[in-house]
């Protein structure tokens, strides 16, 4: 049974505009599985978004518990526990790097950067 059927709710996929997400096969697969997503999320936004750094950290922490996550309630618990494990210094570093990230994106004319 699909997750949206188990949970009796719909989900919206958020992904960037990288070619692996927008290619013919990826679009076909998502359509065949009726996966709804944002129409477009700029690829380079991840370069300047402090949310991406926090999201990556949460993903790493939750990956350790992935086998035990069976439903939305398990996911909520895992997220809350992982959120509590994120160190304040990570958030401070991410926020503190925004100016440099923005300048790097400007210098790259909107292209990808090393962050």
C-alpha atoms as a PDB file:
ATOM      1  CA  UNK A   1       0.000   0.000   0.000  1.00  0.00           C
ATOM      2  CA  UNK A   2       1.286   3.477  -0.894  1.00  0.00           C
ATOM      3  CA  UNK A   3       2.216   5.890   1.911  1.00  0.00           C
ATOM      4  CA  UNK A   4      -0.439   8.434   0.919  1.00  0.00           C
ATOM      5  CA  UNK A   5      -3.077   5.702   1.134  1.00  0.00           C
ATOM      6  CA  UNK A   6      -1.812   4.447   4.512  1.00  0.00           C
ATOM      7  CA  UNK A   7      -1.797   7.951   5.934  1.00  0.00           C
ATOM      8  CA  UNK A   8      -4.969   9.062   4.080  1.00  0.00           C
ATOM      9  CA  UNK A   9      -3.308  12.275   2.909  1.00  0.00           C
ATOM     10  CA  UNK A  10      -1.470  13.677  -0.076  1.00  0.00           C
ATOM     11  CA  UNK A  11       2.196  14.623  -0.178  1.00  0.00           C
ATOM     12  CA  UNK A  12       4.022  17.148  -2.342  1.00  0.00           C
ATOM     13  CA  UNK A  13       7.575  16.329  -3.416  1.00  0.00           C
ATOM     14  CA  UNK A  14      10.134  19.121  -3.169  1.00  0.00           C
ATOM     15  CA  UNK A  15      13.239  18.687  -5.277  1.00  0.00           C
ATOM     16  CA  UNK A  16      15.594  20.973  -7.133  1.00  0.00           C
ATOM     17  CA  UNK A  17      15.753  21.434 -10.880  1.00  0.00           C
ATOM     18  CA  UNK A  18      18.782  19.165 -11.307  1.00  0.00           C
ATOM     19  CA  UNK A  19      18.705  17.100 -14.502  1.00  0.00           C
ATOM     20  CA  UNK A  20      18.410  13.830 -12.563  1.00  0.00           C
ATOM     21  CA  UNK A  21      15.048  15.112 -11.286  1.00  0.00           C
ATOM     22  CA  UNK A  22      13.806  16.648 -14.536  1.00  0.00           C
ATOM     23  CA  UNK A  23      14.902  14.111 -17.138  1.00  0.00           C
ATOM     24  CA  UNK A  24      12.436  12.232 -19.335  1.00  0.00           C
ATOM     25  CA  UNK A  25      12.554   9.017 -17.281  1.00  0.00           C
ATOM     26  CA  UNK A  26      12.257  10.819 -13.931  1.00  0.00           C
ATOM     27  CA  UNK A  27       9.236  12.801 -15.159  1.00  0.00           C
ATOM     28  CA  UNK A  28       7.655   9.644 -16.603  1.00  0.00           C
ATOM     29  CA  UNK A  29       8.220   7.657 -13.377  1.00  0.00           C
ATOM     30  CA  UNK A  30       6.722  10.400 -11.182  1.00  0.00           C
ATOM     31  CA  UNK A  31       3.726  10.669 -13.521  1.00  0.00           C
ATOM     32  CA  UNK A  32       3.186   6.887 -13.535  1.00  0.00           C
ATOM     33  CA  UNK A  33       3.283   6.864  -9.720  1.00  0.00           C
ATOM     34  CA  UNK A  34       1.116   9.983  -9.484  1.00  0.00           C
ATOM     35  CA  UNK A  35       3.756  11.867  -7.520  1.00  0.00           C
ATOM     36  CA  UNK A  36       2.944  15.549  -7.281  1.00  0.00           C
ATOM     37  CA  UNK A  37       5.720  18.082  -6.932  1.00  0.00           C
ATOM     38  CA  UNK A  38       6.461  21.769  -7.253  1.00  0.00           C
ATOM     39  CA  UNK A  39       6.598  22.761 -10.905  1.00  0.00           C
ATOM     40  CA  UNK A  40      10.075  24.217 -10.489  1.00  0.00           C
ATOM     41  CA  UNK A  41      12.502  24.741  -7.655  1.00  0.00           C
ATOM     42  CA  UNK A  42      15.676  26.499  -8.871  1.00  0.00           C
ATOM     43  CA  UNK A  43      18.758  24.279  -8.646  1.00  0.00           C
ATOM     44  CA  UNK A  44      21.045  27.042  -7.415  1.00  0.00           C
ATOM     45  CA  UNK A  45      18.739  27.961  -4.525  1.00  0.00           C
ATOM     46  CA  UNK A  46      20.364  25.184  -2.522  1.00  0.00           C
ATOM     47  CA  UNK A  47      23.616  27.096  -2.748  1.00  0.00           C
ATOM     48  CA  UNK A  48      22.304  29.994  -0.692  1.00  0.00           C
ATOM     49  CA  UNK A  49      19.616  28.411   1.430  1.00  0.00           C
ATOM     50  CA  UNK A  50      20.590  27.740   5.035  1.00  0.00           C
ATOM     51  CA  UNK A  51      17.616  25.361   5.111  1.00  0.00           C
ATOM     52  CA  UNK A  52      19.476  22.948   2.811  1.00  0.00           C
ATOM     53  CA  UNK A  53      22.347  22.612   5.303  1.00  0.00           C
ATOM     54  CA  UNK A  54      19.926  21.886   8.128  1.00  0.00           C
ATOM     55  CA  UNK A  55      17.946  19.522   5.905  1.00  0.00           C
ATOM     56  CA  UNK A  56      21.122  17.595   5.033  1.00  0.00           C
ATOM     57  CA  UNK A  57      21.986  17.318   8.712  1.00  0.00           C
ATOM     58  CA  UNK A  58      18.474  16.078   9.566  1.00  0.00           C
ATOM     59  CA  UNK A  59      18.655  13.587   6.700  1.00  0.00           C
ATOM     60  CA  UNK A  60      21.934  12.134   8.004  1.00  0.00           C
ATOM     61  CA  UNK A  61      20.560  11.840  11.532  1.00  0.00           C
ATOM     62  CA  UNK A  62      17.297  10.248  10.376  1.00  0.00           C
ATOM     63  CA  UNK A  63      19.054   7.845   7.996  1.00  0.00           C
ATOM     64  CA  UNK A  64      20.434   6.092  11.067  1.00  0.00           C
ATOM     65  CA  UNK A  65      16.839   5.389  12.180  1.00  0.00           C
ATOM     66  CA  UNK A  66      15.258   4.849   8.738  1.00  0.00           C
ATOM     67  CA  UNK A  67      14.556   1.144   9.268  1.00  0.00           C
ATOM     68  CA  UNK A  68      12.421   1.934  12.321  1.00  0.00           C
ATOM     69  CA  UNK A  69      10.280   4.547  10.569  1.00  0.00           C
ATOM     70  CA  UNK A  70       7.074   2.861   9.446  1.00  0.00           C
ATOM     71  CA  UNK A  71       4.553   5.721   9.378  1.00  0.00           C
ATOM     72  CA  UNK A  72       4.094   9.472   9.758  1.00  0.00           C
ATOM     73  CA  UNK A  73       4.065   9.315  13.553  1.00  0.00           C
ATOM     74  CA  UNK A  74       7.419   7.482  13.565  1.00  0.00           C
ATOM     75  CA  UNK A  75       8.798  10.086  11.154  1.00  0.00           C
ATOM     76  CA  UNK A  76       7.588  12.958  13.350  1.00  0.00           C
ATOM     77  CA  UNK A  77       9.264  11.419  16.397  1.00  0.00           C
ATOM     78  CA  UNK A  78      12.507  10.828  14.477  1.00  0.00           C
ATOM     79  CA  UNK A  79      12.496  14.412  13.169  1.00  0.00           C
ATOM     80  CA  UNK A  80      11.890  15.889  16.610  1.00  0.00           C
ATOM     81  CA  UNK A  81      14.721  13.804  18.081  1.00  0.00           C
ATOM     82  CA  UNK A  82      17.067  14.706  15.208  1.00  0.00           C
ATOM     83  CA  UNK A  83      16.158  18.394  15.493  1.00  0.00           C
ATOM     84  CA  UNK A  84      17.182  18.292  19.141  1.00  0.00           C
ATOM     85  CA  UNK A  85      20.532  16.782  18.132  1.00  0.00           C
ATOM     86  CA  UNK A  86      21.457  19.652  15.783  1.00  0.00           C
ATOM     87  CA  UNK A  87      24.094  21.850  17.387  1.00  0.00           C
ATOM     88  CA  UNK A  88      23.505  25.595  17.572  1.00  0.00           C
ATOM     89  CA  UNK A  89      26.978  26.226  16.144  1.00  0.00           C
ATOM     90  CA  UNK A  90      25.918  24.572  12.853  1.00  0.00           C
ATOM     91  CA  UNK A  91      22.973  26.946  12.544  1.00  0.00           C
ATOM     92  CA  UNK A  92      25.176  29.930  13.435  1.00  0.00           C
ATOM     93  CA  UNK A  93      27.740  28.918  10.783  1.00  0.00           C
ATOM     94  CA  UNK A  94      25.042  28.507   8.134  1.00  0.00           C
ATOM     95  CA  UNK A  95      23.457  31.864   8.899  1.00  0.00           C
ATOM     96  CA  UNK A  96      26.889  33.494   9.065  1.00  0.00           C
ATOM     97  CA  UNK A  97      27.809  32.175   5.614  1.00  0.00           C
ATOM     98  CA  UNK A  98      24.791  33.638   3.784  1.00  0.00           C
ATOM     99  CA  UNK A  99      26.592  36.815   2.664  1.00  0.00           C
ATOM    100  CA  UNK A 100      29.477  34.813   1.185  1.00  0.00           C
ATOM    101  CA  UNK A 101      27.087  32.336  -0.436  1.00  0.00           C
ATOM    102  CA  UNK A 102      25.079  35.121  -2.061  1.00  0.00           C
ATOM    103  CA  UNK A 103      28.257  36.742  -3.393  1.00  0.00           C
ATOM    104  CA  UNK A 104      29.475  33.404  -4.748  1.00  0.00           C
ATOM    105  CA  UNK A 105      26.159  32.862  -6.605  1.00  0.00           C
ATOM    106  CA  UNK A 106      26.401  36.405  -8.023  1.00  0.00           C
ATOM    107  CA  UNK A 107      29.986  35.762  -9.109  1.00  0.00           C
ATOM    108  CA  UNK A 108      28.889  32.455 -10.710  1.00  0.00           C
ATOM    109  CA  UNK A 109      26.065  34.304 -12.507  1.00  0.00           C
ATOM    110  CA  UNK A 110      23.463  32.084 -10.867  1.00  0.00           C
ATOM    111  CA  UNK A 111      25.331  28.841 -11.489  1.00  0.00           C
ATOM    112  CA  UNK A 112      26.273  26.253  -8.918  1.00  0.00           C
ATOM    113  CA  UNK A 113      28.867  27.035  -6.260  1.00  0.00           C
ATOM    114  CA  UNK A 114      30.963  25.069  -3.738  1.00  0.00           C
ATOM    115  CA  UNK A 115      28.876  25.146  -0.537  1.00  0.00           C
END
